[in-house]
Amino acid sequence: MDIENWLTYLRDAGEAIYGAFAWPGQYVLMQLSALEPGFVANLDAKGNDTTVIVILSLIYWFLVVVLMKLIGKLFRHIARIIMATIHTITFRITLKAGYYKTRLVCSLKQHQWWRKSRNDTEPPMVEFDRLDLAIMKSAAAKGPGFALSAPELAEQFSLRPAVVQRSLDKLCSNAMINIVIGSTDGYDNYRLTDSGSAFVAMWERQQPQSAAETGSGALAIPH
């Protein structure tokens, strides 16, 4: 392929690029010629029509770039809102599923404990640590009808709510506490059962006060 063909291709490509770039300016100038023929004729006479077309095209493409940036920013903002909404809905569904799962597990384990207590000659033995005892004593100190939750106890004992929640699940599975209606900061509320109250009273009668606060113990779950 000779040099003339290359020059022809380059010239055609340049004309195509300029035509695409200058199209907005030419369109605006054509509309102006319909409104103000004398103004456009004056530009043609002075040879300034090309300059005006380039300026108008530059303004047009600048506005297009600004508009695209604004649209992109708007879409990113909408995407963030959608993702935040999806995360919130997912969290609430997971929280609600965990609530019903905990209730189901507690109900099944309470039923299983009741069935075993009828058939076994000896009551089952469950060992409670210091946190378990502290939670039951706090519930007993508040009195009947008052509920406790993991965030409240975590603040009282300077622990993480997840640590307190594991102890609450353990106590619930052993019928020392049960779940009540309502929640606190996304955590279930619990109340001391009659078995839990009897356990706390038995523990305080059998152990010195210092051992009840610092040690751990194992007692038969009262029927």
C-alpha atoms as a PDB file:
ATOM      1  CA  MET A   1       0.000   0.000   0.000  1.00  0.00           C
ATOM      2  CA  ASP A   2       1.557   3.324  -1.103  1.00  0.00           C
ATOM      3  CA  ILE A   3       1.807   6.562   0.869  1.00  0.00           C
ATOM      4  CA  GLU A   4      -1.068   8.196  -0.972  1.00  0.00           C
ATOM      5  CA  ASN A   5      -3.523   5.561   0.205  1.00  0.00           C
ATOM      6  CA  TRP A   6      -2.326   6.023   3.795  1.00  0.00           C
ATOM      7  CA  LEU A   7      -2.785   9.750   3.520  1.00  0.00           C
ATOM      8  CA  THR A   8      -6.259   9.230   2.087  1.00  0.00           C
ATOM      9  CA  TYR A   9      -7.250   6.946   4.991  1.00  0.00           C
ATOM     10  CA  LEU A  10      -5.857   9.395   7.526  1.00  0.00           C
ATOM     11  CA  ARG A  11      -7.667  12.296   5.888  1.00  0.00           C
ATOM     12  CA  ASP A  12     -10.955  10.358   5.844  1.00  0.00           C
ATOM     13  CA  ALA A  13     -10.521   9.346   9.491  1.00  0.00           C
ATOM     14  CA  GLY A  14      -9.777  12.956  10.475  1.00  0.00           C
ATOM     15  CA  GLU A  15     -12.818  14.217   8.606  1.00  0.00           C
ATOM     16  CA  ALA A  16     -14.991  11.571  10.288  1.00  0.00           C
ATOM     17  CA  ILE A  17     -13.674  12.497  13.744  1.00  0.00           C
ATOM     18  CA  TYR A  18     -14.140  16.209  13.094  1.00  0.00           C
ATOM     19  CA  GLY A  19     -17.630  15.606  11.695  1.00  0.00           C
ATOM     20  CA  ALA A  20     -18.646  13.714  14.842  1.00  0.00           C
ATOM     21  CA  PHE A  21     -17.088  16.369  17.075  1.00  0.00           C
ATOM     22  CA  ALA A  22     -18.512  19.348  15.172  1.00  0.00           C
ATOM     23  CA  TRP A  23     -22.009  17.935  14.670  1.00  0.00           C
ATOM     24  CA  PRO A  24     -23.512  19.683  17.748  1.00  0.00           C
ATOM     25  CA  GLY A  25     -22.074  23.050  16.709  1.00  0.00           C
ATOM     26  CA  GLN A  26     -23.289  22.635  13.138  1.00  0.00           C
ATOM     27  CA  TYR A  27     -26.770  21.706  14.396  1.00  0.00           C
ATOM     28  CA  VAL A  28     -26.955  24.779  16.659  1.00  0.00           C
ATOM     29  CA  LEU A  29     -25.669  27.001  13.872  1.00  0.00           C
ATOM     30  CA  MET A  30     -28.302  25.567  11.510  1.00  0.00           C
ATOM     31  CA  GLN A  31     -31.028  26.389  14.042  1.00  0.00           C
ATOM     32  CA  LEU A  32     -29.631  29.907  14.402  1.00  0.00           C
ATOM     33  CA  SER A  33     -29.694  30.358  10.623  1.00  0.00           C
ATOM     34  CA  ALA A  34     -33.429  29.661  10.683  1.00  0.00           C
ATOM     35  CA  LEU A  35     -33.968  32.232  13.436  1.00  0.00           C
ATOM     36  CA  GLU A  36     -31.352  34.856  12.513  1.00  0.00           C
ATOM     37  CA  PRO A  37     -30.299  34.443   8.872  1.00  0.00           C
ATOM     38  CA  GLY A  38     -28.431  37.746   8.888  1.00  0.00           C
ATOM     39  CA  PHE A  39     -26.239  36.753  11.828  1.00  0.00           C
ATOM     40  CA  VAL A  40     -25.173  33.492  10.209  1.00  0.00           C
ATOM     41  CA  ALA A  41     -24.606  35.171   6.837  1.00  0.00           C
ATOM     42  CA  ASN A  42     -22.381  37.702   8.572  1.00  0.00           C
ATOM     43  CA  LEU A  43     -20.332  34.892  10.137  1.00  0.00           C
ATOM     44  CA  ASP A  44     -19.950  33.208   6.719  1.00  0.00           C
ATOM     45  CA  ALA A  45     -18.819  36.468   5.178  1.00  0.00           C
ATOM     46  CA  LYS A  46     -16.130  36.958   7.797  1.00  0.00           C
ATOM     47  CA  GLY A  47     -15.057  33.317   7.767  1.00  0.00           C
ATOM     48  CA  ASN A  48     -15.841  32.842  11.469  1.00  0.00           C
ATOM     49  CA  ASP A  49     -18.426  30.102  11.085  1.00  0.00           C
ATOM     50  CA  THR A  50     -15.848  27.334  11.678  1.00  0.00           C
ATOM     51  CA  THR A  51     -14.655  28.984  14.874  1.00  0.00           C
ATOM     52  CA  VAL A  52     -18.228  29.313  16.144  1.00  0.00           C
ATOM     53  CA  ILE A  53     -18.928  25.664  15.308  1.00  0.00           C
ATOM     54  CA  VAL A  54     -15.821  24.531  17.242  1.00  0.00           C
ATOM     55  CA  ILE A  55     -16.735  26.696  20.272  1.00  0.00           C
ATOM     56  CA  LEU A  56     -20.336  25.479  20.306  1.00  0.00           C
ATOM     57  CA  SER A  57     -19.186  21.872  19.951  1.00  0.00           C
ATOM     58  CA  LEU A  58     -16.717  22.278  22.826  1.00  0.00           C
ATOM     59  CA  ILE A  59     -19.476  23.684  25.042  1.00  0.00           C
ATOM     60  CA  TYR A  60     -21.788  20.843  24.078  1.00  0.00           C
ATOM     61  CA  TRP A  61     -19.289  18.060  24.791  1.00  0.00           C
ATOM     62  CA  PHE A  62     -18.248  19.723  28.052  1.00  0.00           C
ATOM     63  CA  LEU A  63     -21.884  19.737  29.154  1.00  0.00           C
ATOM     64  CA  VAL A  64     -22.200  16.081  28.103  1.00  0.00           C
ATOM     65  CA  VAL A  65     -19.194  15.142  30.274  1.00  0.00           C
ATOM     66  CA  VAL A  66     -20.575  17.075  33.251  1.00  0.00           C
ATOM     67  CA  LEU A  67     -23.995  15.470  32.782  1.00  0.00           C
ATOM     68  CA  MET A  68     -22.494  11.975  32.580  1.00  0.00           C
ATOM     69  CA  LYS A  69     -20.568  12.575  35.813  1.00  0.00           C
ATOM     70  CA  LEU A  70     -23.751  13.753  37.542  1.00  0.00           C
ATOM     71  CA  ILE A  71     -25.671  10.729  36.275  1.00  0.00           C
ATOM     72  CA  GLY A  72     -22.883   8.400  37.423  1.00  0.00           C
ATOM     73  CA  LYS A  73     -22.876  10.032  40.863  1.00  0.00           C
ATOM     74  CA  LEU A  74     -26.654   9.656  41.052  1.00  0.00           C
ATOM     75  CA  PHE A  75     -26.484   5.968  40.104  1.00  0.00           C
ATOM     76  CA  ARG A  76     -23.766   5.338  42.719  1.00  0.00           C
ATOM     77  CA  HIS A  77     -25.916   7.035  45.353  1.00  0.00           C
ATOM     78  CA  ILE A  78     -28.939   4.944  44.361  1.00  0.00           C
ATOM     79  CA  ALA A  79     -26.792   1.779  44.424  1.00  0.00           C
ATOM     80  CA  ARG A  80     -25.598   2.599  47.949  1.00  0.00           C
ATOM     81  CA  ILE A  81     -29.193   3.107  49.094  1.00  0.00           C
ATOM     82  CA  ILE A  82     -30.265  -0.194  47.517  1.00  0.00           C
ATOM     83  CA  MET A  83     -27.347  -2.094  49.092  1.00  0.00           C
ATOM     84  CA  ALA A  84     -28.018  -0.535  52.503  1.00  0.00           C
ATOM     85  CA  THR A  85     -31.697  -1.493  52.215  1.00  0.00           C
ATOM     86  CA  ILE A  86     -30.793  -5.058  51.221  1.00  0.00           C
ATOM     87  CA  HIS A  87     -28.368  -5.343  54.155  1.00  0.00           C
ATOM     88  CA  THR A  88     -30.999  -3.991  56.567  1.00  0.00           C
ATOM     89  CA  ILE A  89     -33.656  -6.406  55.300  1.00  0.00           C
ATOM     90  CA  THR A  90     -31.179  -9.312  55.459  1.00  0.00           C
ATOM     91  CA  PHE A  91     -30.179  -8.388  59.016  1.00  0.00           C
ATOM     92  CA  ARG A  92     -33.791  -8.169  60.158  1.00  0.00           C
ATOM     93  CA  ILE A  93     -34.668 -11.504  58.534  1.00  0.00           C
ATOM     94  CA  THR A  94     -31.604 -13.152  60.117  1.00  0.00           C
ATOM     95  CA  LEU A  95     -32.456 -11.631  63.485  1.00  0.00           C
ATOM     96  CA  LYS A  96     -36.054 -12.794  63.305  1.00  0.00           C
ATOM     97  CA  ALA A  97     -34.970 -16.279  62.180  1.00  0.00           C
ATOM     98  CA  GLY A  98     -32.545 -16.454  65.114  1.00  0.00           C
ATOM     99  CA  TYR A  99     -35.318 -15.391  67.482  1.00  0.00           C
ATOM    100  CA  TYR A 100     -37.648 -18.169  66.337  1.00  0.00           C
ATOM    101  CA  LYS A 101     -34.777 -20.667  66.288  1.00  0.00           C
ATOM    102  CA  THR A 102     -33.895 -19.840  69.904  1.00  0.00           C
ATOM    103  CA  ARG A 103     -37.510 -20.164  70.961  1.00  0.00           C
ATOM    104  CA  LEU A 104     -37.844 -23.498  69.182  1.00  0.00           C
ATOM    105  CA  VAL A 105     -34.616 -24.855  70.690  1.00  0.00           C
ATOM    106  CA  CYS A 106     -35.632 -23.727  74.174  1.00  0.00           C
ATOM    107  CA  SER A 107     -39.079 -25.290  73.791  1.00  0.00           C
ATOM    108  CA  LEU A 108     -37.672 -28.584  72.540  1.00  0.00           C
ATOM    109  CA  LYS A 109     -35.021 -28.772  75.235  1.00  0.00           C
ATOM    110  CA  GLN A 110     -37.522 -27.921  77.960  1.00  0.00           C
ATOM    111  CA  HIS A 111     -39.788 -30.694  76.682  1.00  0.00           C
ATOM    112  CA  GLN A 112     -36.865 -33.110  76.501  1.00  0.00           C
ATOM    113  CA  TRP A 113     -35.760 -32.179  80.051  1.00  0.00           C
ATOM    114  CA  TRP A 114     -39.328 -32.707  81.333  1.00  0.00           C
ATOM    115  CA  ARG A 115     -39.567 -36.153  79.694  1.00  0.00           C
ATOM    116  CA  LYS A 116     -36.218 -37.268  81.080  1.00  0.00           C
ATOM    117  CA  SER A 117     -37.068 -36.039  84.569  1.00  0.00           C
ATOM    118  CA  ARG A 118     -40.069 -38.404  84.641  1.00  0.00           C
ATOM    119  CA  ASN A 119     -38.043 -41.472  83.677  1.00  0.00           C
ATOM    120  CA  ASP A 120     -34.724 -40.900  85.489  1.00  0.00           C
ATOM    121  CA  THR A 121     -34.350 -41.856  89.129  1.00  0.00           C
ATOM    122  CA  GLU A 122     -31.817 -39.059  89.689  1.00  0.00           C
ATOM    123  CA  PRO A 123     -32.310 -35.458  88.642  1.00  0.00           C
ATOM    124  CA  PRO A 124     -29.974 -34.241  85.899  1.00  0.00           C
ATOM    125  CA  MET A 125     -26.865 -32.358  86.984  1.00  0.00           C
ATOM    126  CA  VAL A 126     -25.960 -29.082  85.308  1.00  0.00           C
ATOM    127  CA  GLU A 127     -22.872 -27.033  86.118  1.00  0.00           C
ATOM    128  CA  PHE A 128     -23.210 -23.266  86.022  1.00  0.00           C
ATOM    129  CA  ASP A 129     -20.249 -20.918  85.950  1.00  0.00           C
ATOM    130  CA  ARG A 130     -19.853 -17.533  87.586  1.00  0.00           C
ATOM    131  CA  LEU A 131     -21.535 -15.678  84.723  1.00  0.00           C
ATOM    132  CA  ASP A 132     -24.539 -18.016  84.759  1.00  0.00           C
ATOM    133  CA  LEU A 133     -24.942 -17.546  88.522  1.00  0.00           C
ATOM    134  CA  ALA A 134     -24.476 -13.776  88.229  1.00  0.00           C
ATOM    135  CA  ILE A 135     -27.186 -13.555  85.556  1.00  0.00           C
ATOM    136  CA  MET A 136     -29.657 -15.585  87.611  1.00  0.00           C
ATOM    137  CA  LYS A 137     -28.892 -13.555  90.739  1.00  0.00           C
ATOM    138  CA  SER A 138     -29.408 -10.317  88.788  1.00  0.00           C
ATOM    139  CA  ALA A 139     -32.737 -11.600  87.478  1.00  0.00           C
ATOM    140  CA  ALA A 140     -33.776 -12.664  90.985  1.00  0.00           C
ATOM    141  CA  ALA A 141     -32.732  -9.296  92.416  1.00  0.00           C
ATOM    142  CA  LYS A 142     -34.922  -7.431  89.932  1.00  0.00           C
ATOM    143  CA  GLY A 143     -37.924  -9.383  91.111  1.00  0.00           C
ATOM    144  CA  PRO A 144     -40.684 -11.264  89.306  1.00  0.00           C
ATOM    145  CA  GLY A 145     -42.114  -9.697  86.190  1.00  0.00           C
ATOM    146  CA  PHE A 146     -38.903  -7.891  85.201  1.00  0.00           C
ATOM    147  CA  ALA A 147     -36.960  -8.942  82.117  1.00  0.00           C
ATOM    148  CA  LEU A 148     -33.246  -8.919  81.299  1.00  0.00           C
ATOM    149  CA  SER A 149     -31.409  -8.776  77.990  1.00  0.00           C
ATOM    150  CA  ALA A 150     -27.860  -9.371  76.769  1.00  0.00           C
ATOM    151  CA  PRO A 151     -27.003  -5.659  76.196  1.00  0.00           C
ATOM    152  CA  GLU A 152     -28.188  -4.700  79.687  1.00  0.00           C
ATOM    153  CA  LEU A 153     -26.241  -7.509  81.373  1.00  0.00           C
ATOM    154  CA  ALA A 154     -23.166  -6.895  79.182  1.00  0.00           C
ATOM    155  CA  GLU A 155     -23.051  -3.296  80.366  1.00  0.00           C
ATOM    156  CA  GLN A 156     -23.509  -4.424  83.977  1.00  0.00           C
ATOM    157  CA  PHE A 157     -20.726  -7.056  83.830  1.00  0.00           C
ATOM    158  CA  SER A 158     -18.437  -5.177  81.362  1.00  0.00           C
ATOM    159  CA  LEU A 159     -18.634  -8.020  78.844  1.00  0.00           C
ATOM    160  CA  ARG A 160     -19.538  -8.329  75.189  1.00  0.00           C
ATOM    161  CA  PRO A 161     -23.254  -8.977  74.501  1.00  0.00           C
ATOM    162  CA  ALA A 162     -22.357 -12.120  72.498  1.00  0.00           C
ATOM    163  CA  VAL A 163     -20.674 -13.660  75.578  1.00  0.00           C
ATOM    164  CA  VAL A 164     -23.694 -12.887  77.748  1.00  0.00           C
ATOM    165  CA  GLN A 165     -26.053 -14.202  75.043  1.00  0.00           C
ATOM    166  CA  ARG A 166     -24.321 -17.617  75.092  1.00  0.00           C
ATOM    167  CA  SER A 167     -24.883 -17.834  78.830  1.00  0.00           C
ATOM    168  CA  LEU A 168     -28.523 -16.797  78.365  1.00  0.00           C
ATOM    169  CA  ASP A 169     -28.993 -19.520  75.751  1.00  0.00           C
ATOM    170  CA  LYS A 170     -27.499 -22.054  78.150  1.00  0.00           C
ATOM    171  CA  LEU A 171     -29.802 -20.982  80.970  1.00  0.00           C
ATOM    172  CA  CYS A 172     -32.798 -20.973  78.635  1.00  0.00           C
ATOM    173  CA  SER A 173     -32.027 -24.487  77.398  1.00  0.00           C
ATOM    174  CA  ASN A 174     -31.969 -25.650  81.044  1.00  0.00           C
ATOM    175  CA  ALA A 175     -35.279 -23.953  81.900  1.00  0.00           C
ATOM    176  CA  MET A 176     -33.671 -21.475  84.309  1.00  0.00           C
ATOM    177  CA  ILE A 177     -34.999 -18.554  82.252  1.00  0.00           C
ATOM    178  CA  ASN A 178     -37.460 -18.216  79.410  1.00  0.00           C
ATOM    179  CA  ILE A 179     -38.003 -15.797  76.563  1.00  0.00           C
ATOM    180  CA  VAL A 180     -40.582 -13.049  76.949  1.00  0.00           C
ATOM    181  CA  ILE A 181     -42.217 -10.887  74.317  1.00  0.00           C
ATOM    182  CA  GLY A 182     -40.166  -7.965  73.029  1.00  0.00           C
ATOM    183  CA  SER A 183     -36.491  -7.309  72.387  1.00  0.00           C
ATOM    184  CA  THR A 184     -33.721  -4.877  73.348  1.00  0.00           C
ATOM    185  CA  ASP A 185     -31.306  -3.666  70.645  1.00  0.00           C
ATOM    186  CA  GLY A 186     -32.130  -6.758  68.597  1.00  0.00           C
ATOM    187  CA  TYR A 187     -31.631  -9.208  71.499  1.00  0.00           C
ATOM    188  CA  ASP A 188     -34.347 -11.276  73.167  1.00  0.00           C
ATOM    189  CA  ASN A 189     -35.626 -10.434  76.628  1.00  0.00           C
ATOM    190  CA  TYR A 190     -35.571 -13.127  79.305  1.00  0.00           C
ATOM    191  CA  ARG A 191     -37.215 -13.648  82.670  1.00  0.00           C
ATOM    192  CA  LEU A 192     -36.304 -15.993  85.537  1.00  0.00           C
ATOM    193  CA  THR A 193     -38.517 -19.082  85.714  1.00  0.00           C
ATOM    194  CA  ASP A 194     -39.804 -20.725  88.881  1.00  0.00           C
ATOM    195  CA  SER A 195     -37.065 -23.341  88.476  1.00  0.00           C
ATOM    196  CA  GLY A 196     -34.480 -20.580  88.194  1.00  0.00           C
ATOM    197  CA  SER A 197     -35.777 -18.831  91.304  1.00  0.00           C
ATOM    198  CA  ALA A 198     -35.682 -22.104  93.231  1.00  0.00           C
ATOM    199  CA  PHE A 199     -32.149 -22.781  91.999  1.00  0.00           C
ATOM    200  CA  VAL A 200     -30.901 -19.363  93.140  1.00  0.00           C
ATOM    201  CA  ALA A 201     -32.537 -19.801  96.554  1.00  0.00           C
ATOM    202  CA  MET A 202     -31.039 -23.299  96.914  1.00  0.00           C
ATOM    203  CA  TRP A 203     -27.589 -22.070  95.906  1.00  0.00           C
ATOM    204  CA  GLU A 204     -27.633 -19.203  98.383  1.00  0.00           C
ATOM    205  CA  ARG A 205     -28.669 -21.581 101.168  1.00  0.00           C
ATOM    206  CA  GLN A 206     -26.005 -24.186 100.385  1.00  0.00           C
ATOM    207  CA  GLN A 207     -23.007 -21.948  99.580  1.00  0.00           C
ATOM    208  CA  PRO A 208     -21.344 -19.049 101.443  1.00  0.00           C
ATOM    209  CA  GLN A 209     -21.881 -15.652  99.891  1.00  0.00           C
ATOM    210  CA  SER A 210     -18.242 -15.374  98.747  1.00  0.00           C
ATOM    211  CA  ALA A 211     -18.340 -18.730  96.962  1.00  0.00           C
ATOM    212  CA  ALA A 212     -21.556 -17.749  95.225  1.00  0.00           C
ATOM    213  CA  GLU A 213     -19.873 -14.661  93.782  1.00  0.00           C
ATOM    214  CA  THR A 214     -16.452 -16.095  92.831  1.00  0.00           C
ATOM    215  CA  GLY A 215     -16.825 -19.817  92.251  1.00  0.00           C
ATOM    216  CA  SER A 216     -18.783 -22.139  90.033  1.00  0.00           C
ATOM    217  CA  GLY A 217     -20.907 -25.011  91.155  1.00  0.00           C
ATOM    218  CA  ALA A 218     -23.095 -27.916  90.101  1.00  0.00           C
ATOM    219  CA  LEU A 219     -26.510 -28.592  91.500  1.00  0.00           C
ATOM    220  CA  ALA A 220     -29.437 -30.768  90.489  1.00  0.00           C
ATOM    221  CA  ILE A 221     -32.027 -28.827  88.565  1.00  0.00           C
ATOM    222  CA  PRO A 222     -35.015 -28.595  90.891  1.00  0.00           C
ATOM    223  CA  HIS A 223     -38.302 -30.070  89.727  1.00  0.00           C
END
